[in-house]
Amino acid sequence: MMNIFLLGIDIAKNVFQLHGVNQAGKAVLKKRITRVKLAGYVANLPSVCEALCQNKQE
């Protein structure tokens, strides 16, 4: 099982990129997921700190 300490979520309209790291900062999760499946996927993860980011294109 992954030991995710921090979960970053790159938000977009329909598809999100998830990036999870452990306490040492090593990537343990890289996943592309649709908006519809995001809540269910995150709800089934052990407790983690989550961070959202949005890339605005000018």
PDB file of N, CA and C in Angstrom:
ATOM      1  N   MET A   1       0.844  -1.198   0.000  1.00  0.00           N
ATOM      2  CA  MET A   1       0.000   0.000   0.000  1.00  0.00           C
ATOM      3  C   MET A   1       0.876   1.244   0.000  1.00  0.00           C
ATOM      4  N   MET A   2       0.465   2.242  -0.737  1.00  0.00           N
ATOM      5  CA  MET A   2       1.192   3.499  -0.799  1.00  0.00           C
ATOM      6  C   MET A   2       1.084   4.237   0.535  1.00  0.00           C
ATOM      7  N   ASN A   3       2.164   4.882   0.937  1.00  0.00           N
ATOM      8  CA  ASN A   3       2.153   5.714   2.125  1.00  0.00           C
ATOM      9  C   ASN A   3       2.225   7.169   1.664  1.00  0.00           C
ATOM     10  N   ILE A   4       1.075   7.744   1.329  1.00  0.00           N
ATOM     11  CA  ILE A   4       1.023   9.098   0.799  1.00  0.00           C
ATOM     12  C   ILE A   4       0.946  10.091   1.951  1.00  0.00           C
ATOM     13  N   PHE A   5       1.895  11.019   1.976  1.00  0.00           N
ATOM     14  CA  PHE A   5       1.922  12.063   2.991  1.00  0.00           C
ATOM     15  C   PHE A   5       1.244  13.332   2.482  1.00  0.00           C
ATOM     16  N   LEU A   6       1.499  13.680   1.227  1.00  0.00           N
ATOM     17  CA  LEU A   6       0.933  14.882   0.625  1.00  0.00           C
ATOM     18  C   LEU A   6       0.407  14.531  -0.759  1.00  0.00           C
ATOM     19  N   LEU A   7      -0.813  14.938  -1.042  1.00  0.00           N
ATOM     20  CA  LEU A   7      -1.435  14.680  -2.338  1.00  0.00           C
ATOM     21  C   LEU A   7      -1.701  16.006  -3.030  1.00  0.00           C
ATOM     22  N   GLY A   8      -1.079  16.198  -4.180  1.00  0.00           N
ATOM     23  CA  GLY A   8      -1.320  17.391  -4.989  1.00  0.00           C
ATOM     24  C   GLY A   8      -2.305  17.060  -6.085  1.00  0.00           C
ATOM     25  N   ILE A   9      -3.242  17.963  -6.326  1.00  0.00           N
ATOM     26  CA  ILE A   9      -4.246  17.749  -7.363  1.00  0.00           C
ATOM     27  C   ILE A   9      -4.200  18.937  -8.319  1.00  0.00           C
ATOM     28  N   ASP A  10      -3.808  18.670  -9.553  1.00  0.00           N
ATOM     29  CA  ASP A  10      -3.806  19.693 -10.600  1.00  0.00           C
ATOM     30  C   ASP A  10      -5.198  19.680 -11.217  1.00  0.00           C
ATOM     31  N   ILE A  11      -5.947  20.738 -10.991  1.00  0.00           N
ATOM     32  CA  ILE A  11      -7.350  20.745 -11.404  1.00  0.00           C
ATOM     33  C   ILE A  11      -7.517  21.271 -12.830  1.00  0.00           C
ATOM     34  N   ALA A  12      -8.512  20.740 -13.495  1.00  0.00           N
ATOM     35  CA  ALA A  12      -8.869  21.147 -14.849  1.00  0.00           C
ATOM     36  C   ALA A  12     -10.379  20.955 -14.999  1.00  0.00           C
ATOM     37  N   LYS A  13     -10.888  21.104 -16.205  1.00  0.00           N
ATOM     38  CA  LYS A  13     -12.332  20.957 -16.385  1.00  0.00           C
ATOM     39  C   LYS A  13     -12.828  19.547 -16.132  1.00  0.00           C
ATOM     40  N   ASN A  14     -12.211  18.555 -16.788  1.00  0.00           N
ATOM     41  CA  ASN A  14     -12.744  17.198 -16.701  1.00  0.00           C
ATOM     42  C   ASN A  14     -11.748  16.146 -16.235  1.00  0.00           C
ATOM     43  N   VAL A  15     -10.456  16.407 -16.374  1.00  0.00           N
ATOM     44  CA  VAL A  15      -9.436  15.421 -16.004  1.00  0.00           C
ATOM     45  C   VAL A  15      -8.443  16.065 -15.045  1.00  0.00           C
ATOM     46  N   PHE A  16      -8.161  15.373 -13.937  1.00  0.00           N
ATOM     47  CA  PHE A  16      -7.229  15.872 -12.939  1.00  0.00           C
ATOM     48  C   PHE A  16      -5.976  15.015 -12.918  1.00  0.00           C
ATOM     49  N   GLN A  17      -4.856  15.622 -12.546  1.00  0.00           N
ATOM     50  CA  GLN A  17      -3.600  14.896 -12.341  1.00  0.00           C
ATOM     51  C   GLN A  17      -3.371  14.831 -10.842  1.00  0.00           C
ATOM     52  N   LEU A  18      -3.153  13.633 -10.319  1.00  0.00           N
ATOM     53  CA  LEU A  18      -2.841  13.455  -8.904  1.00  0.00           C
ATOM     54  C   LEU A  18      -1.361  13.149  -8.773  1.00  0.00           C
ATOM     55  N   HIS A  19      -0.725  13.731  -7.763  1.00  0.00           N
ATOM     56  CA  HIS A  19       0.692  13.481  -7.507  1.00  0.00           C
ATOM     57  C   HIS A  19       0.846  13.334  -6.005  1.00  0.00           C
ATOM     58  N   GLY A  20       1.178  12.123  -5.559  1.00  0.00           N
ATOM     59  CA  GLY A  20       1.344  11.871  -4.137  1.00  0.00           C
ATOM     60  C   GLY A  20       2.798  11.615  -3.793  1.00  0.00           C
ATOM     61  N   VAL A  21       3.238  12.172  -2.668  1.00  0.00           N
ATOM     62  CA  VAL A  21       4.605  11.952  -2.199  1.00  0.00           C
ATOM     63  C   VAL A  21       4.559  11.424  -0.773  1.00  0.00           C
ATOM     64  N   ASN A  22       5.619  10.656  -0.413  1.00  0.00           N
ATOM     65  CA  ASN A  22       5.724  10.173   0.959  1.00  0.00           C
ATOM     66  C   ASN A  22       6.433  11.225   1.808  1.00  0.00           C
ATOM     67  N   GLN A  23       6.707  10.923   3.075  1.00  0.00           N
ATOM     68  CA  GLN A  23       7.325  11.905   3.973  1.00  0.00           C
ATOM     69  C   GLN A  23       8.740  12.271   3.551  1.00  0.00           C
ATOM     70  N   ALA A  24       9.399  11.420   2.795  1.00  0.00           N
ATOM     71  CA  ALA A  24      10.747  11.709   2.300  1.00  0.00           C
ATOM     72  C   ALA A  24      10.710  12.555   1.024  1.00  0.00           C
ATOM     73  N   GLY A  25       9.515  12.810   0.487  1.00  0.00           N
ATOM     74  CA  GLY A  25       9.382  13.598  -0.729  1.00  0.00           C
ATOM     75  C   GLY A  25       9.472  12.789  -2.008  1.00  0.00           C
ATOM     76  N   LYS A  26       9.502  11.456  -1.879  1.00  0.00           N
ATOM     77  CA  LYS A  26       9.576  10.583  -3.049  1.00  0.00           C
ATOM     78  C   LYS A  26       8.176  10.376  -3.629  1.00  0.00           C
ATOM     79  N   ALA A  27       8.067  10.496  -4.943  1.00  0.00           N
ATOM     80  CA  ALA A  27       6.777  10.295  -5.604  1.00  0.00           C
ATOM     81  C   ALA A  27       6.325   8.844  -5.455  1.00  0.00           C
ATOM     82  N   VAL A  28       5.125   8.661  -4.930  1.00  0.00           N
ATOM     83  CA  VAL A  28       4.568   7.318  -4.767  1.00  0.00           C
ATOM     84  C   VAL A  28       3.255   7.146  -5.530  1.00  0.00           C
ATOM     85  N   LEU A  29       2.753   8.243  -6.114  1.00  0.00           N
ATOM     86  CA  LEU A  29       1.520   8.174  -6.888  1.00  0.00           C
ATOM     87  C   LEU A  29       1.553   9.219  -7.989  1.00  0.00           C
ATOM     88  N   LYS A  30       1.310   8.792  -9.202  1.00  0.00           N
ATOM     89  CA  LYS A  30       1.099   9.681 -10.342  1.00  0.00           C
ATOM     90  C   LYS A  30      -0.081   9.092 -11.089  1.00  0.00           C
ATOM     91  N   LYS A  31      -1.180   9.817 -11.122  1.00  0.00           N
ATOM     92  CA  LYS A  31      -2.396   9.253 -11.709  1.00  0.00           C
ATOM     93  C   LYS A  31      -3.218  10.352 -12.376  1.00  0.00           C
ATOM     94  N   ARG A  32      -3.788  10.013 -13.511  1.00  0.00           N
ATOM     95  CA  ARG A  32      -4.717  10.889 -14.218  1.00  0.00           C
ATOM     96  C   ARG A  32      -6.113  10.320 -13.961  1.00  0.00           C
ATOM     97  N   ILE A  33      -7.044  11.180 -13.538  1.00  0.00           N
ATOM     98  CA  ILE A  33      -8.370  10.695 -13.167  1.00  0.00           C
ATOM     99  C   ILE A  33      -9.438  11.703 -13.598  1.00  0.00           C
ATOM    100  N   THR A  34     -10.608  11.205 -13.957  1.00  0.00           N
ATOM    101  CA  THR A  34     -11.689  12.080 -14.394  1.00  0.00           C
ATOM    102  C   THR A  34     -12.380  12.723 -13.193  1.00  0.00           C
ATOM    103  N   ARG A  35     -13.051  13.827 -13.464  1.00  0.00           N
ATOM    104  CA  ARG A  35     -13.785  14.545 -12.417  1.00  0.00           C
ATOM    105  C   ARG A  35     -14.800  13.633 -11.720  1.00  0.00           C
ATOM    106  N   VAL A  36     -15.473  12.809 -12.491  1.00  0.00           N
ATOM    107  CA  VAL A  36     -16.508  11.925 -11.946  1.00  0.00           C
ATOM    108  C   VAL A  36     -15.938  10.940 -10.924  1.00  0.00           C
ATOM    109  N   LYS A  37     -14.724  10.448 -11.142  1.00  0.00           N
ATOM    110  CA  LYS A  37     -14.128   9.428 -10.282  1.00  0.00           C
ATOM    111  C   LYS A  37     -13.279   9.997  -9.150  1.00  0.00           C
ATOM    112  N   LEU A  38     -12.994  11.300  -9.161  1.00  0.00           N
ATOM    113  CA  LEU A  38     -12.066  11.886  -8.195  1.00  0.00           C
ATOM    114  C   LEU A  38     -12.508  11.712  -6.743  1.00  0.00           C
ATOM    115  N   ALA A  39     -13.724  12.097  -6.422  1.00  0.00           N
ATOM    116  CA  ALA A  39     -14.187  12.046  -5.037  1.00  0.00           C
ATOM    117  C   ALA A  39     -14.126  10.630  -4.474  1.00  0.00           C
ATOM    118  N   GLY A  40     -14.572   9.652  -5.249  1.00  0.00           N
ATOM    119  CA  GLY A  40     -14.537   8.267  -4.788  1.00  0.00           C
ATOM    120  C   GLY A  40     -13.121   7.762  -4.585  1.00  0.00           C
ATOM    121  N   TYR A  41     -12.208   8.141  -5.476  1.00  0.00           N
ATOM    122  CA  TYR A  41     -10.817   7.695  -5.367  1.00  0.00           C
ATOM    123  C   TYR A  41     -10.153   8.287  -4.131  1.00  0.00           C
ATOM    124  N   VAL A  42     -10.310   9.596  -3.936  1.00  0.00           N
ATOM    125  CA  VAL A  42      -9.689  10.264  -2.796  1.00  0.00           C
ATOM    126  C   VAL A  42     -10.312   9.781  -1.480  1.00  0.00           C
ATOM    127  N   ALA A  43     -11.597   9.506  -1.470  1.00  0.00           N
ATOM    128  CA  ALA A  43     -12.264   9.029  -0.256  1.00  0.00           C
ATOM    129  C   ALA A  43     -11.714   7.686   0.199  1.00  0.00           C
ATOM    130  N   ASN A  44     -11.208   6.880  -0.723  1.00  0.00           N
ATOM    131  CA  ASN A  44     -10.677   5.567  -0.376  1.00  0.00           C
ATOM    132  C   ASN A  44      -9.194   5.581  -0.024  1.00  0.00           C
ATOM    133  N   LEU A  45      -8.551   6.754  -0.093  1.00  0.00           N
ATOM    134  CA  LEU A  45      -7.147   6.858   0.316  1.00  0.00           C
ATOM    135  C   LEU A  45      -7.069   7.027   1.828  1.00  0.00           C
ATOM    136  N   PRO A  46      -5.953   6.582   2.439  1.00  0.00           N
ATOM    137  CA  PRO A  46      -5.762   6.881   3.853  1.00  0.00           C
ATOM    138  C   PRO A  46      -5.684   8.397   4.032  1.00  0.00           C
ATOM    139  N   SER A  47      -5.839   8.872   5.232  1.00  0.00           N
ATOM    140  CA  SER A  47      -5.810  10.303   5.516  1.00  0.00           C
ATOM    141  C   SER A  47      -4.511  10.937   5.019  1.00  0.00           C
ATOM    142  N   VAL A  48      -4.633  11.991   4.200  1.00  0.00           N
ATOM    143  CA  VAL A  48      -3.467  12.697   3.666  1.00  0.00           C
ATOM    144  C   VAL A  48      -3.735  14.195   3.701  1.00  0.00           C
ATOM    145  N   CYS A  49      -2.693  14.970   3.555  1.00  0.00           N
ATOM    146  CA  CYS A  49      -2.807  16.410   3.368  1.00  0.00           C
ATOM    147  C   CYS A  49      -2.966  16.649   1.876  1.00  0.00           C
ATOM    148  N   GLU A  50      -3.983  17.398   1.470  1.00  0.00           N
ATOM    149  CA  GLU A  50      -4.240  17.620   0.050  1.00  0.00           C
ATOM    150  C   GLU A  50      -3.963  19.070  -0.327  1.00  0.00           C
ATOM    151  N   ALA A  51      -3.431  19.252  -1.516  1.00  0.00           N
ATOM    152  CA  ALA A  51      -3.169  20.596  -2.041  1.00  0.00           C
ATOM    153  C   ALA A  51      -3.718  20.678  -3.453  1.00  0.00           C
ATOM    154  N   LEU A  52      -4.433  21.747  -3.755  1.00  0.00           N
ATOM    155  CA  LEU A  52      -4.990  21.957  -5.080  1.00  0.00           C
ATOM    156  C   LEU A  52      -4.193  23.044  -5.795  1.00  0.00           C
ATOM    157  N   CYS A  53      -4.004  22.870  -7.079  1.00  0.00           N
ATOM    158  CA  CYS A  53      -3.345  23.941  -7.840  1.00  0.00           C
ATOM    159  C   CYS A  53      -4.005  24.028  -9.210  1.00  0.00           C
ATOM    160  N   GLN A  54      -4.002  25.228  -9.725  1.00  0.00           N
ATOM    161  CA  GLN A  54      -4.595  25.447 -11.039  1.00  0.00           C
ATOM    162  C   GLN A  54      -3.608  26.252 -11.859  1.00  0.00           C
ATOM    163  N   ASN A  55      -3.320  25.771 -13.041  1.00  0.00           N
ATOM    164  CA  ASN A  55      -2.439  26.483 -13.970  1.00  0.00           C
ATOM    165  C   ASN A  55      -3.309  27.380 -14.827  1.00  0.00           C
ATOM    166  N   LYS A  56      -3.157  28.661 -14.680  1.00  0.00           N
ATOM    167  CA  LYS A  56      -3.931  29.592 -15.512  1.00  0.00           C
ATOM    168  C   LYS A  56      -3.103  29.971 -16.710  1.00  0.00           C
ATOM    169  N   GLN A  57      -3.666  29.773 -17.874  1.00  0.00           N
ATOM    170  CA  GLN A  57      -2.984  30.172 -19.091  1.00  0.00           C
ATOM    171  C   GLN A  57      -3.464  31.564 -19.474  1.00  0.00           C
ATOM    172  N   GLU A  58      -2.523  32.449 -19.701  1.00  0.00           N
ATOM    173  CA  GLU A  58      -2.897  33.832 -20.011  1.00  0.00           C
ATOM    174  C   GLU A  58      -2.938  34.066 -21.495  1.00  0.00           C
TER     175      GLU A  58
END
